[in-house]
N, C-alpha and C. Protein backbone atom coordinates (compact mmCIF):
# COMPACT_ATOMS: atom_id res chain seq x y z
N UNK A 1 95.30 83.34 121.30
CA UNK A 1 96.27 84.23 121.93
C UNK A 1 97.59 84.13 121.18
N UNK A 2 98.27 85.26 121.01
CA UNK A 2 99.56 85.30 120.32
C UNK A 2 100.61 85.82 121.29
N UNK A 3 101.60 84.99 121.58
CA UNK A 3 102.71 85.35 122.46
C UNK A 3 103.97 85.40 121.61
N UNK A 4 104.44 86.60 121.31
CA UNK A 4 105.54 86.75 120.36
C UNK A 4 106.40 87.94 120.77
N UNK A 5 107.70 87.82 120.48
CA UNK A 5 108.67 88.91 120.71
C UNK A 5 108.75 89.32 122.18
N UNK A 6 108.80 88.33 123.07
CA UNK A 6 108.89 88.62 124.50
C UNK A 6 110.17 88.04 125.09
N UNK A 7 110.61 88.65 126.19
CA UNK A 7 111.67 88.08 127.02
C UNK A 7 111.02 87.61 128.31
N UNK A 8 111.07 86.31 128.55
CA UNK A 8 110.44 85.72 129.72
C UNK A 8 111.53 85.09 130.59
N UNK A 9 111.69 85.63 131.78
CA UNK A 9 112.63 85.06 132.75
C UNK A 9 111.84 84.48 133.91
N UNK A 10 112.13 83.25 134.25
CA UNK A 10 111.44 82.61 135.35
C UNK A 10 112.46 82.15 136.38
N UNK A 11 112.30 82.63 137.63
CA UNK A 11 113.15 82.21 138.74
C UNK A 11 112.45 81.21 139.64
N UNK A 12 111.13 81.11 139.48
CA UNK A 12 110.36 80.12 140.23
C UNK A 12 109.03 79.94 139.52
N UNK A 13 108.57 78.72 139.39
CA UNK A 13 107.32 78.44 138.72
C UNK A 13 107.52 78.20 137.23
N UNK A 14 106.55 78.70 136.43
CA UNK A 14 106.54 78.43 135.00
C UNK A 14 106.61 79.74 134.20
N UNK A 15 107.45 79.74 133.18
CA UNK A 15 107.49 80.88 132.30
C UNK A 15 106.23 81.01 131.47
N UNK A 16 105.70 79.89 130.97
CA UNK A 16 104.45 79.84 130.19
C UNK A 16 103.62 78.69 130.75
N UNK A 17 102.42 79.01 131.13
CA UNK A 17 101.50 77.98 131.62
C UNK A 17 100.20 78.09 130.84
N UNK A 18 99.88 77.04 130.09
CA UNK A 18 98.69 77.06 129.23
C UNK A 18 97.72 76.00 129.72
N UNK A 19 96.54 76.43 130.07
CA UNK A 19 95.50 75.51 130.51
C UNK A 19 95.04 74.64 129.34
N UNK A 20 94.59 73.46 129.65
CA UNK A 20 94.15 72.53 128.60
C UNK A 20 93.00 73.11 127.78
N UNK A 21 92.17 73.94 128.37
CA UNK A 21 91.05 74.55 127.65
C UNK A 21 91.46 75.74 126.81
N UNK A 22 92.73 76.16 126.91
CA UNK A 22 93.20 77.34 126.18
C UNK A 22 94.22 77.02 125.11
N UNK A 23 94.43 75.75 124.83
CA UNK A 23 95.46 75.37 123.87
C UNK A 23 95.05 75.67 122.43
N UNK A 24 93.76 75.54 122.13
CA UNK A 24 93.30 75.81 120.76
C UNK A 24 93.42 77.31 120.48
N UNK A 25 94.12 77.65 119.41
CA UNK A 25 94.31 79.04 119.03
C UNK A 25 95.50 79.71 119.69
N UNK A 26 96.16 79.01 120.60
CA UNK A 26 97.34 79.60 121.25
C UNK A 26 98.54 79.50 120.33
N UNK A 27 99.23 80.63 120.11
CA UNK A 27 100.42 80.68 119.27
C UNK A 27 101.55 81.37 120.04
N UNK A 28 102.74 80.81 119.96
CA UNK A 28 103.89 81.38 120.66
C UNK A 28 105.13 81.16 119.82
N UNK A 29 105.90 82.25 119.61
CA UNK A 29 107.10 82.12 118.77
C UNK A 29 107.97 83.37 118.94
N UNK A 30 109.23 83.24 118.55
CA UNK A 30 110.19 84.35 118.56
C UNK A 30 110.30 84.98 119.95
N UNK A 31 110.31 84.14 120.97
CA UNK A 31 110.49 84.61 122.34
C UNK A 31 111.87 84.20 122.85
N UNK A 32 112.33 84.88 123.87
CA UNK A 32 113.55 84.48 124.59
C UNK A 32 113.11 83.98 125.96
N UNK A 33 113.30 82.69 126.21
CA UNK A 33 112.85 82.05 127.45
C UNK A 33 114.08 81.73 128.29
N UNK A 34 114.14 82.34 129.46
CA UNK A 34 115.31 82.17 130.33
C UNK A 34 114.88 81.54 131.65
N UNK A 35 115.46 80.41 131.95
CA UNK A 35 115.17 79.70 133.19
C UNK A 35 116.27 79.98 134.20
N UNK A 36 115.88 80.49 135.37
CA UNK A 36 116.84 80.79 136.42
C UNK A 36 117.43 79.53 137.02
N UNK A 37 118.37 79.69 137.94
CA UNK A 37 119.09 78.53 138.48
C UNK A 37 118.30 77.72 139.50
N UNK A 38 117.18 78.24 139.98
CA UNK A 38 116.44 77.52 141.02
C UNK A 38 115.88 76.21 140.49
N UNK A 39 115.79 75.24 141.37
CA UNK A 39 115.31 73.91 140.98
C UNK A 39 113.83 73.92 140.64
N UNK A 40 113.09 74.89 141.15
CA UNK A 40 111.65 74.96 140.89
C UNK A 40 111.31 75.96 139.80
N UNK A 41 112.25 76.24 138.94
CA UNK A 41 112.01 77.13 137.79
C UNK A 41 111.91 76.29 136.53
N UNK A 42 110.84 76.50 135.76
CA UNK A 42 110.59 75.69 134.57
C UNK A 42 110.17 76.60 133.41
N UNK A 43 110.49 76.16 132.20
CA UNK A 43 110.12 76.94 131.01
C UNK A 43 108.62 76.99 130.85
N UNK A 44 107.94 75.86 131.00
CA UNK A 44 106.50 75.89 130.78
C UNK A 44 105.77 74.72 131.38
N UNK A 45 104.43 74.84 131.31
CA UNK A 45 103.50 73.79 131.75
C UNK A 45 102.51 73.55 130.63
N UNK A 46 102.49 72.33 130.10
CA UNK A 46 101.62 72.00 128.96
C UNK A 46 100.97 70.65 129.23
N UNK A 47 99.64 70.60 129.09
CA UNK A 47 98.88 69.38 129.36
C UNK A 47 99.13 68.87 130.78
N UNK A 48 99.35 69.78 131.70
CA UNK A 48 99.57 69.41 133.09
C UNK A 48 100.94 68.85 133.37
N UNK A 49 101.81 68.85 132.36
CA UNK A 49 103.15 68.29 132.54
C UNK A 49 104.18 69.40 132.53
N UNK A 50 105.15 69.31 133.43
CA UNK A 50 106.21 70.31 133.54
C UNK A 50 107.22 70.13 132.42
N UNK A 51 107.58 71.25 131.77
CA UNK A 51 108.58 71.24 130.71
C UNK A 51 109.73 72.13 131.18
N UNK A 52 110.83 71.49 131.56
CA UNK A 52 111.92 72.22 132.20
C UNK A 52 112.74 73.03 131.22
N UNK A 53 112.90 72.56 129.99
CA UNK A 53 113.79 73.22 129.03
C UNK A 53 112.99 73.67 127.80
N UNK A 54 113.61 74.50 127.01
CA UNK A 54 112.96 74.95 125.77
C UNK A 54 112.73 73.79 124.83
N UNK A 55 113.69 72.90 124.71
CA UNK A 55 113.53 71.74 123.82
C UNK A 55 112.34 70.88 124.25
N UNK A 56 112.19 70.66 125.57
CA UNK A 56 111.07 69.87 126.07
C UNK A 56 109.74 70.59 125.82
N UNK A 57 109.74 71.90 126.01
CA UNK A 57 108.54 72.69 125.75
C UNK A 57 108.15 72.64 124.27
N UNK A 58 109.11 72.77 123.38
CA UNK A 58 108.82 72.71 121.95
C UNK A 58 108.27 71.35 121.55
N UNK A 59 108.83 70.28 122.09
CA UNK A 59 108.36 68.93 121.74
C UNK A 59 106.94 68.67 122.26
N UNK A 60 106.63 69.18 123.44
CA UNK A 60 105.32 68.91 124.03
C UNK A 60 104.23 69.78 123.42
N UNK A 61 104.55 71.04 123.18
CA UNK A 61 103.53 71.99 122.73
C UNK A 61 103.49 72.21 121.23
N UNK A 62 104.62 71.98 120.57
CA UNK A 62 104.70 72.31 119.15
C UNK A 62 104.81 73.80 118.90
N UNK A 63 105.10 74.59 119.94
CA UNK A 63 105.20 76.04 119.83
C UNK A 63 106.66 76.48 119.95
N UNK A 64 106.87 77.76 119.69
CA UNK A 64 108.17 78.43 119.88
C UNK A 64 109.28 77.78 119.06
N UNK A 65 108.97 77.45 117.81
CA UNK A 65 109.98 76.84 116.94
C UNK A 65 111.16 77.76 116.70
N UNK A 66 110.92 79.08 116.70
CA UNK A 66 112.00 80.03 116.44
C UNK A 66 112.40 80.82 117.68
N UNK A 67 112.04 80.33 118.83
CA UNK A 67 112.40 81.00 120.08
C UNK A 67 113.81 80.61 120.51
N UNK A 68 114.36 81.41 121.43
CA UNK A 68 115.72 81.20 121.92
C UNK A 68 115.67 80.97 123.43
N UNK A 69 116.78 80.50 123.96
CA UNK A 69 116.93 80.36 125.40
C UNK A 69 118.28 80.91 125.81
N UNK A 70 118.39 81.38 127.04
CA UNK A 70 119.65 81.94 127.52
C UNK A 70 119.43 83.23 128.27
N UNK A 71 120.48 83.69 128.89
CA UNK A 71 120.44 84.93 129.66
C UNK A 71 120.27 86.11 128.70
N UNK A 72 119.24 86.94 128.90
CA UNK A 72 119.02 88.06 127.97
C UNK A 72 120.04 89.17 128.10
N UNK A 73 120.87 89.14 129.12
CA UNK A 73 121.93 90.15 129.32
C UNK A 73 121.34 91.55 129.40
N UNK A 74 120.39 91.72 130.30
CA UNK A 74 119.85 93.06 130.55
C UNK A 74 120.90 93.87 131.31
N UNK A 75 120.99 95.15 131.00
CA UNK A 75 122.09 95.95 131.52
C UNK A 75 122.10 96.05 133.04
N UNK A 76 121.01 96.49 133.64
CA UNK A 76 121.00 96.68 135.10
C UNK A 76 119.55 96.72 135.56
N UNK A 77 118.98 95.54 135.81
CA UNK A 77 117.54 95.47 136.06
C UNK A 77 117.14 96.09 137.39
N UNK A 78 118.05 96.19 138.37
CA UNK A 78 117.69 96.78 139.66
C UNK A 78 118.31 98.15 139.88
N UNK A 79 118.96 98.70 138.85
CA UNK A 79 119.46 100.07 138.92
C UNK A 79 120.61 100.28 139.87
N UNK A 80 120.97 101.54 140.04
CA UNK A 80 122.11 101.89 140.87
C UNK A 80 121.84 101.64 142.35
N UNK A 81 120.55 101.65 142.76
CA UNK A 81 120.23 101.44 144.17
C UNK A 81 120.04 99.97 144.52
N UNK A 82 120.17 99.10 143.49
CA UNK A 82 120.02 97.66 143.68
C UNK A 82 118.65 97.27 144.24
N UNK A 83 117.64 98.04 143.85
CA UNK A 83 116.26 97.75 144.23
C UNK A 83 115.44 97.63 142.96
N UNK A 84 114.84 96.48 142.76
CA UNK A 84 114.09 96.22 141.53
C UNK A 84 112.68 96.81 141.64
N UNK A 85 112.37 97.75 140.77
CA UNK A 85 111.04 98.32 140.73
C UNK A 85 110.72 99.17 141.93
N UNK A 86 109.43 99.42 142.12
CA UNK A 86 108.94 100.22 143.24
C UNK A 86 108.57 99.30 144.40
N UNK A 87 109.27 99.43 145.48
CA UNK A 87 109.02 98.59 146.65
C UNK A 87 108.63 99.41 147.87
N UNK A 88 108.27 100.67 147.66
CA UNK A 88 107.79 101.49 148.76
C UNK A 88 108.87 101.92 149.73
N UNK A 89 110.11 101.99 149.28
CA UNK A 89 111.19 102.43 150.15
C UNK A 89 111.73 103.75 149.62
N UNK A 90 112.37 104.51 150.50
CA UNK A 90 112.85 105.84 150.12
C UNK A 90 114.10 105.79 149.26
N UNK A 91 114.76 104.65 149.21
CA UNK A 91 116.02 104.57 148.47
C UNK A 91 115.85 104.29 146.99
N UNK A 92 114.65 103.97 146.55
CA UNK A 92 114.49 103.67 145.12
C UNK A 92 113.04 103.59 144.72
N UNK A 93 112.76 103.92 143.45
CA UNK A 93 111.40 103.83 142.94
C UNK A 93 111.33 103.17 141.57
N UNK A 94 112.42 102.61 141.11
CA UNK A 94 112.40 101.88 139.84
C UNK A 94 112.80 102.69 138.63
N UNK A 95 112.92 104.03 138.78
CA UNK A 95 113.25 104.85 137.62
C UNK A 95 114.67 104.59 137.12
N UNK A 96 115.54 104.05 137.98
CA UNK A 96 116.92 103.81 137.57
C UNK A 96 117.13 102.40 137.05
N UNK A 97 116.07 101.59 137.00
CA UNK A 97 116.21 100.23 136.48
C UNK A 97 116.40 100.28 134.97
N UNK A 98 117.36 99.51 134.47
CA UNK A 98 117.72 99.57 133.06
C UNK A 98 117.53 98.20 132.43
N UNK A 99 116.54 98.11 131.54
CA UNK A 99 116.24 96.85 130.87
C UNK A 99 116.73 96.84 129.42
N UNK A 100 117.66 97.72 129.11
CA UNK A 100 118.27 97.68 127.78
C UNK A 100 119.09 96.39 127.62
N UNK A 101 119.28 95.98 126.37
CA UNK A 101 120.04 94.76 126.09
C UNK A 101 121.53 95.08 126.00
N UNK A 102 122.31 94.25 126.63
CA UNK A 102 123.76 94.38 126.52
C UNK A 102 124.22 93.80 125.18
N UNK A 103 125.44 94.10 124.82
CA UNK A 103 125.97 93.60 123.54
C UNK A 103 125.94 92.08 123.52
N UNK A 104 125.58 91.55 122.35
CA UNK A 104 125.54 90.10 122.10
C UNK A 104 124.46 89.39 122.92
N UNK A 105 123.45 90.11 123.33
CA UNK A 105 122.32 89.46 123.97
C UNK A 105 121.64 88.53 122.97
N UNK A 106 121.21 87.34 123.39
CA UNK A 106 120.52 86.43 122.45
C UNK A 106 119.18 86.97 121.97
N UNK A 107 118.71 88.06 122.59
CA UNK A 107 117.44 88.64 122.15
C UNK A 107 117.61 89.59 120.97
N UNK A 108 118.84 89.99 120.67
CA UNK A 108 119.09 90.93 119.57
C UNK A 108 118.89 90.22 118.23
N UNK A 109 118.15 90.86 117.36
CA UNK A 109 117.87 90.33 116.01
C UNK A 109 117.27 88.93 116.07
N UNK A 110 116.40 88.71 117.06
CA UNK A 110 115.77 87.40 117.21
C UNK A 110 114.25 87.47 117.16
N UNK A 111 113.69 88.66 117.01
CA UNK A 111 112.24 88.80 117.00
C UNK A 111 111.66 88.74 115.60
N UNK A 112 110.36 88.97 115.53
CA UNK A 112 109.65 88.99 114.26
C UNK A 112 109.23 90.44 113.98
N UNK A 113 109.92 91.07 113.04
CA UNK A 113 109.66 92.49 112.75
C UNK A 113 108.27 92.73 112.20
N UNK A 114 107.68 91.74 111.54
CA UNK A 114 106.35 91.92 110.96
C UNK A 114 105.26 92.01 112.02
N UNK A 115 105.56 91.56 113.23
CA UNK A 115 104.58 91.59 114.32
C UNK A 115 104.96 92.60 115.39
N UNK A 116 105.86 93.51 115.06
CA UNK A 116 106.33 94.52 116.02
C UNK A 116 106.02 95.92 115.51
N UNK A 117 105.85 96.87 116.42
CA UNK A 117 105.72 98.27 115.98
C UNK A 117 107.00 98.73 115.28
N UNK A 118 106.87 99.75 114.46
CA UNK A 118 108.03 100.25 113.71
C UNK A 118 109.08 100.86 114.64
N UNK A 119 108.65 101.34 115.82
CA UNK A 119 109.58 101.95 116.78
C UNK A 119 109.52 101.18 118.09
N UNK A 120 110.61 101.27 118.86
CA UNK A 120 110.65 100.58 120.14
C UNK A 120 109.91 101.38 121.20
N UNK A 121 109.95 100.93 122.44
CA UNK A 121 109.17 101.55 123.50
C UNK A 121 109.62 102.97 123.80
N UNK A 122 110.85 103.32 123.43
CA UNK A 122 111.36 104.67 123.64
C UNK A 122 111.24 105.54 122.39
N UNK A 123 110.54 105.05 121.36
CA UNK A 123 110.30 105.84 120.17
C UNK A 123 111.42 105.84 119.16
N UNK A 124 112.36 104.93 119.30
CA UNK A 124 113.48 104.88 118.36
C UNK A 124 113.21 103.88 117.25
N UNK A 125 113.72 104.18 116.06
CA UNK A 125 113.57 103.25 114.94
C UNK A 125 114.31 101.96 115.23
N UNK A 126 113.70 100.86 114.84
CA UNK A 126 114.37 99.58 114.98
C UNK A 126 115.43 99.45 113.89
N UNK A 127 116.51 98.77 114.20
CA UNK A 127 117.60 98.64 113.24
C UNK A 127 118.29 97.30 113.42
N UNK A 128 119.03 96.92 112.43
CA UNK A 128 119.74 95.66 112.44
C UNK A 128 121.12 95.85 113.07
N UNK A 129 121.55 94.87 113.87
CA UNK A 129 122.89 94.88 114.47
C UNK A 129 123.79 94.04 113.57
N UNK A 130 124.71 94.67 112.84
CA UNK A 130 125.55 93.91 111.89
C UNK A 130 126.50 92.94 112.57
N UNK A 131 126.73 93.10 113.87
CA UNK A 131 127.65 92.21 114.58
C UNK A 131 126.98 90.95 115.13
N UNK A 132 125.66 90.84 114.93
CA UNK A 132 124.92 89.70 115.47
C UNK A 132 124.23 88.98 114.32
N UNK A 133 124.33 87.66 114.31
CA UNK A 133 123.66 86.87 113.28
C UNK A 133 122.15 86.99 113.44
N UNK A 134 121.45 87.21 112.33
CA UNK A 134 120.00 87.34 112.37
C UNK A 134 119.36 85.98 112.63
N UNK A 135 118.53 85.94 113.67
CA UNK A 135 117.83 84.71 114.01
C UNK A 135 116.31 84.87 113.89
N UNK A 136 115.85 86.08 113.68
CA UNK A 136 114.43 86.33 113.60
C UNK A 136 113.96 86.50 112.17
N UNK A 137 112.85 87.21 112.04
CA UNK A 137 112.26 87.49 110.73
C UNK A 137 112.17 89.00 110.57
N UNK A 138 112.84 89.54 109.57
CA UNK A 138 112.86 90.98 109.34
C UNK A 138 112.38 91.32 107.96
N UNK A 139 112.28 92.63 107.73
CA UNK A 139 111.85 93.09 106.41
C UNK A 139 112.95 92.83 105.39
N UNK A 140 112.51 92.52 104.19
CA UNK A 140 113.46 92.30 103.10
C UNK A 140 114.23 93.58 102.82
N UNK A 141 115.51 93.44 102.59
CA UNK A 141 116.36 94.59 102.30
C UNK A 141 116.55 94.68 100.79
N UNK A 142 116.01 95.73 100.19
CA UNK A 142 116.13 95.93 98.76
C UNK A 142 117.19 97.00 98.50
N UNK A 143 118.21 96.63 97.78
CA UNK A 143 119.31 97.54 97.48
C UNK A 143 119.27 97.87 95.99
N UNK A 144 119.17 99.16 95.63
CA UNK A 144 119.14 99.51 94.21
C UNK A 144 120.47 99.17 93.54
N UNK A 145 120.38 98.71 92.32
CA UNK A 145 121.58 98.34 91.56
C UNK A 145 121.41 98.79 90.12
N UNK A 146 122.48 99.27 89.52
CA UNK A 146 122.47 99.71 88.14
C UNK A 146 122.43 98.49 87.23
N UNK A 147 121.39 98.40 86.40
CA UNK A 147 121.23 97.27 85.49
C UNK A 147 121.83 97.55 84.11
N UNK A 148 122.51 98.69 83.97
CA UNK A 148 123.12 99.00 82.68
C UNK A 148 122.10 99.59 81.72
N UNK A 149 122.03 99.03 80.53
CA UNK A 149 121.11 99.53 79.51
C UNK A 149 119.66 99.30 79.95
N UNK A 150 118.75 100.01 79.31
CA UNK A 150 117.34 99.88 79.62
C UNK A 150 116.88 98.45 79.38
N UNK A 151 116.05 97.95 80.30
CA UNK A 151 115.52 96.60 80.18
C UNK A 151 114.24 96.55 79.35
N UNK A 152 113.77 97.74 78.89
CA UNK A 152 112.57 97.79 78.08
C UNK A 152 112.94 97.84 76.60
N UNK A 153 112.27 97.08 75.79
CA UNK A 153 112.53 97.04 74.35
C UNK A 153 111.31 97.57 73.61
N UNK A 154 111.57 98.35 72.56
CA UNK A 154 110.49 98.90 71.74
C UNK A 154 109.97 97.82 70.81
N UNK A 155 108.69 97.76 70.63
CA UNK A 155 108.11 96.76 69.74
C UNK A 155 106.64 97.01 69.55
N UNK A 156 106.00 96.17 68.77
CA UNK A 156 104.57 96.30 68.54
C UNK A 156 104.25 97.08 67.27
N UNK A 157 102.97 97.21 67.00
CA UNK A 157 102.47 97.89 65.81
C UNK A 157 101.53 99.00 66.23
N UNK A 158 101.72 100.20 65.65
CA UNK A 158 100.87 101.33 65.97
C UNK A 158 99.43 101.05 65.52
N UNK A 159 98.47 101.46 66.33
CA UNK A 159 97.06 101.23 66.04
C UNK A 159 96.31 102.55 65.96
N UNK A 160 95.21 102.54 65.20
CA UNK A 160 94.31 103.69 65.16
C UNK A 160 93.23 103.50 66.21
N UNK A 161 93.19 104.42 67.16
CA UNK A 161 92.21 104.33 68.24
C UNK A 161 91.14 105.40 68.01
N UNK A 162 89.88 105.05 68.22
CA UNK A 162 88.76 105.94 67.96
C UNK A 162 87.86 105.99 69.19
N UNK A 163 87.46 107.20 69.55
CA UNK A 163 86.47 107.38 70.60
C UNK A 163 85.21 107.98 69.99
N UNK A 164 84.22 108.31 70.83
CA UNK A 164 82.95 108.79 70.30
C UNK A 164 83.09 110.15 69.62
N UNK A 165 83.92 111.05 70.17
CA UNK A 165 83.99 112.41 69.65
C UNK A 165 85.37 112.79 69.16
N UNK A 166 86.38 111.97 69.44
CA UNK A 166 87.72 112.35 69.01
C UNK A 166 88.40 111.14 68.40
N UNK A 167 89.27 111.37 67.46
CA UNK A 167 89.99 110.28 66.81
C UNK A 167 91.47 110.62 66.82
N UNK A 168 92.27 109.67 67.26
CA UNK A 168 93.72 109.81 67.24
C UNK A 168 94.25 108.96 66.09
N UNK A 169 94.97 109.60 65.18
CA UNK A 169 95.50 108.90 64.01
C UNK A 169 97.01 108.79 64.14
N UNK A 170 97.51 107.55 64.05
CA UNK A 170 98.95 107.34 64.14
C UNK A 170 99.63 107.93 62.92
N UNK A 171 100.77 108.55 63.12
CA UNK A 171 101.49 109.13 62.02
C UNK A 171 102.53 110.10 62.52
N UNK A 172 103.22 110.80 61.63
CA UNK A 172 104.26 111.76 62.06
C UNK A 172 103.71 112.85 62.95
N UNK A 173 102.48 113.29 62.71
CA UNK A 173 101.88 114.33 63.53
C UNK A 173 100.56 113.85 64.08
N UNK A 174 100.14 114.42 65.18
CA UNK A 174 98.88 114.02 65.80
C UNK A 174 97.75 114.86 65.22
N UNK A 175 96.70 114.21 64.72
CA UNK A 175 95.55 114.90 64.15
C UNK A 175 94.38 114.72 65.09
N UNK A 176 93.78 115.82 65.47
CA UNK A 176 92.67 115.78 66.41
C UNK A 176 91.42 116.31 65.70
N UNK A 177 90.43 115.44 65.55
CA UNK A 177 89.17 115.83 64.94
C UNK A 177 88.16 116.06 66.05
N UNK A 178 87.53 117.24 66.06
CA UNK A 178 86.61 117.60 67.13
C UNK A 178 85.25 117.90 66.53
N UNK A 179 84.21 117.36 67.14
CA UNK A 179 82.84 117.70 66.78
C UNK A 179 82.34 118.73 67.77
N UNK A 180 81.79 119.85 67.30
CA UNK A 180 81.30 120.88 68.20
C UNK A 180 79.87 121.25 67.83
N UNK A 181 79.17 121.76 68.81
CA UNK A 181 77.80 122.22 68.59
C UNK A 181 77.84 123.71 68.23
N UNK A 182 77.28 124.07 67.08
CA UNK A 182 77.23 125.46 66.66
C UNK A 182 76.00 126.11 67.26
N UNK A 183 76.25 127.14 68.12
CA UNK A 183 75.13 127.79 68.79
C UNK A 183 74.26 128.60 67.83
N UNK A 184 74.76 128.86 66.61
CA UNK A 184 73.96 129.61 65.63
C UNK A 184 72.89 128.73 65.02
N UNK A 185 73.01 127.42 65.14
CA UNK A 185 72.12 126.51 64.43
C UNK A 185 71.27 125.75 65.43
N UNK A 186 70.45 124.85 64.91
CA UNK A 186 69.61 124.04 65.78
C UNK A 186 70.46 123.10 66.60
N UNK A 187 69.86 122.60 67.66
CA UNK A 187 70.61 121.73 68.56
C UNK A 187 71.04 120.45 67.85
N UNK A 188 70.24 119.97 66.95
CA UNK A 188 70.55 118.71 66.31
C UNK A 188 71.62 118.80 65.24
N UNK A 189 71.99 119.98 64.81
CA UNK A 189 72.98 120.13 63.76
C UNK A 189 74.38 120.19 64.34
N UNK A 190 75.35 119.55 63.69
CA UNK A 190 76.75 119.54 64.12
C UNK A 190 77.63 119.87 62.93
N UNK A 191 78.66 120.57 63.20
CA UNK A 191 79.60 120.95 62.15
C UNK A 191 80.94 120.31 62.45
N UNK A 192 81.53 119.64 61.50
CA UNK A 192 82.82 118.99 61.68
C UNK A 192 83.94 119.95 61.23
N UNK A 193 84.85 120.21 62.16
CA UNK A 193 85.96 121.10 61.85
C UNK A 193 87.08 120.33 61.20
N UNK A 194 87.92 121.06 60.51
CA UNK A 194 89.07 120.44 59.87
C UNK A 194 90.07 119.99 60.94
N UNK A 195 90.92 119.04 60.61
CA UNK A 195 91.90 118.54 61.59
C UNK A 195 92.79 119.66 62.12
N UNK A 196 93.04 119.60 63.42
CA UNK A 196 93.95 120.55 64.06
C UNK A 196 95.32 119.88 64.17
N UNK A 197 96.33 120.44 63.51
CA UNK A 197 97.62 119.78 63.41
C UNK A 197 98.67 120.39 64.33
N UNK A 198 98.38 121.50 64.97
CA UNK A 198 99.37 122.06 65.86
C UNK A 198 98.67 122.79 67.01
N UNK A 199 99.44 123.27 67.98
CA UNK A 199 98.90 123.92 69.16
C UNK A 199 98.25 125.27 68.81
N UNK A 200 98.83 125.98 67.83
CA UNK A 200 98.26 127.27 67.46
C UNK A 200 96.87 127.10 66.90
N UNK A 201 96.68 126.06 66.06
CA UNK A 201 95.37 125.81 65.52
C UNK A 201 94.37 125.41 66.59
N UNK A 202 94.85 124.67 67.60
CA UNK A 202 93.97 124.26 68.68
C UNK A 202 93.52 125.46 69.52
N UNK A 203 94.45 126.40 69.78
CA UNK A 203 94.07 127.61 70.51
C UNK A 203 93.04 128.42 69.72
N UNK A 204 93.23 128.49 68.39
CA UNK A 204 92.26 129.21 67.55
C UNK A 204 90.89 128.55 67.64
N UNK A 205 90.86 127.23 67.62
CA UNK A 205 89.60 126.51 67.71
C UNK A 205 88.90 126.80 69.03
N UNK A 206 89.66 126.83 70.13
CA UNK A 206 89.07 127.10 71.43
C UNK A 206 88.51 128.52 71.49
N UNK A 207 89.24 129.50 70.91
CA UNK A 207 88.72 130.88 70.91
C UNK A 207 87.42 130.97 70.10
N UNK A 208 87.34 130.24 68.95
CA UNK A 208 86.12 130.25 68.14
C UNK A 208 84.95 129.68 68.93
N UNK A 209 85.21 128.62 69.67
CA UNK A 209 84.12 128.02 70.44
C UNK A 209 83.64 128.97 71.52
N UNK A 210 84.58 129.66 72.20
CA UNK A 210 84.19 130.62 73.23
C UNK A 210 83.39 131.77 72.62
N UNK A 211 83.81 132.25 71.44
CA UNK A 211 83.11 133.34 70.77
C UNK A 211 81.68 132.94 70.43
N UNK A 212 81.49 131.75 69.86
CA UNK A 212 80.15 131.29 69.49
C UNK A 212 79.30 131.09 70.73
N UNK A 213 79.90 130.62 71.82
CA UNK A 213 79.13 130.40 73.03
C UNK A 213 78.62 131.72 73.61
N UNK A 214 79.52 132.74 73.65
CA UNK A 214 79.09 134.04 74.15
C UNK A 214 78.03 134.67 73.26
N UNK A 215 78.20 134.50 71.94
CA UNK A 215 77.21 135.06 71.02
C UNK A 215 75.85 134.41 71.23
N UNK A 216 75.84 133.10 71.42
CA UNK A 216 74.57 132.41 71.67
C UNK A 216 73.93 132.85 72.96
N UNK A 217 74.73 133.06 74.01
CA UNK A 217 74.19 133.50 75.29
C UNK A 217 73.61 134.91 75.16
N UNK A 218 74.28 135.78 74.39
CA UNK A 218 73.76 137.13 74.21
C UNK A 218 72.43 137.12 73.46
N UNK A 219 72.33 136.31 72.42
CA UNK A 219 71.07 136.22 71.67
C UNK A 219 69.95 135.68 72.57
N UNK A 220 70.29 134.69 73.37
CA UNK A 220 69.27 134.15 74.28
C UNK A 220 68.81 135.19 75.29
N UNK A 221 69.77 136.01 75.79
CA UNK A 221 69.42 137.05 76.75
C UNK A 221 68.52 138.10 76.11
N UNK A 222 68.85 138.53 74.86
CA UNK A 222 68.04 139.53 74.18
C UNK A 222 66.62 139.03 73.93
N UNK A 223 66.51 137.75 73.56
CA UNK A 223 65.19 137.23 73.28
C UNK A 223 64.34 137.16 74.56
N UNK A 224 64.96 136.91 75.69
CA UNK A 224 64.21 136.89 76.95
C UNK A 224 63.80 138.28 77.35
N UNK A 225 64.73 139.23 77.22
CA UNK A 225 64.43 140.61 77.60
C UNK A 225 63.37 141.18 76.68
N UNK A 226 63.49 140.92 75.34
CA UNK A 226 62.53 141.48 74.40
C UNK A 226 61.15 140.90 74.59
């Protein structure tokens, strides 16, 4: 079980209670644990022992190393009608309860952004509060900076690369040697064309290939018809 990025307020009982059979695999961190003023309010129960404070809970369980304690400073949890949630009365239904964080709440910038959705429960983008010290884990902030001159240096030696049907030759101009099948001849015969040194020559070569292809198709059609 993973318990992370939560605000837990306990006014009576235990904020976190982990059974001895559930301790293996249990993980808890980046939470805000708030213990109310009542004498029977405790942060947690671990190995059957009561842990009254966050420090005691951390020592006993080894969990919540990056968690905080304190009043979360929620704006108005019981709303304008002073009724918390839906209690079946005509004066309130919980819609006016406000669980937004007040300024300088210890829960601000204290969570783990890598384990949170990109947007909050109201669909708003999460953002950093510059007035609050970061206590959680957030995404790295990469700021572009002008490095001046190019960091890449030219070097190396030009090489001659060869493929099965085309050869690229290093030099002032690019030479492209193409092997083509002449439809006028047998399938096994190949004719090597002269190097094509510019785009105009390449277009001429393509037109010649199209012409020979159409001529071959016409001859094949005539021979079938005849």
